[in-house]
Amino acid sequence: RPEKGPEMNEKDLRQKIIDMIRDMVRDIGRPDLYREPLIGFASAHDPSLLNIKEIVGPWHDTPEEQLPGAKTVIAFSVPSTKEVALDPGNAQFSGLIWSEAYVLINRNFDLISEAVADLLRANGYEATTVKATNNYDPADMITSWSHRTMAKAAGLGEFGMNRILI
């Protein structure tokens, strides 16, 4: 909840967030690599998020631990095109197209997240972000925040047998 009155009502702000993410992905200028982003919102009080320490592990933060007073988690995903998904690579290296798509979108995830957080702050809300990749302890490969789990809670997919969000 905003500390002061928001400049936009919540419905308009939600649409502005969706439009901003779509525009920023479009501005990357690579429709050959990415499809339309998927964007979802989850209550920070969703039972799957409140019980995350039991579901994932005691090391995982709840939204409240990331941002005291958190009300909503915003998740977005940028699906690759079929060409990227089918890029064969080889036993030693990922395919060149897949690698380019991976590096480029991960560079932009943090920029997009910060822009959304800035928009929220400008409208009187508190906001925080968590880096898209490498936000884990390299000693044990455990992270305190699972973007996939947040995306699932926001209705962007289900976990497959291999724990990839599909």
Foldseek 3Di string as FASTA:
>chain_A
DFPDAFPDPPVVLVVVLLVLVQVLVVVLVCPQWWDGKDKFKFFLVPVCLVCVCVVPHVLADRVCVVPNPGTMDIAMDIDTDPCLVPQPADPVDGHPSVVVSVVSVLVCVVVSQVVSQVSQVNRRDHDDDQRPDPQADVVVRDHRYDSLSSCVNRVNADADPVRDGD
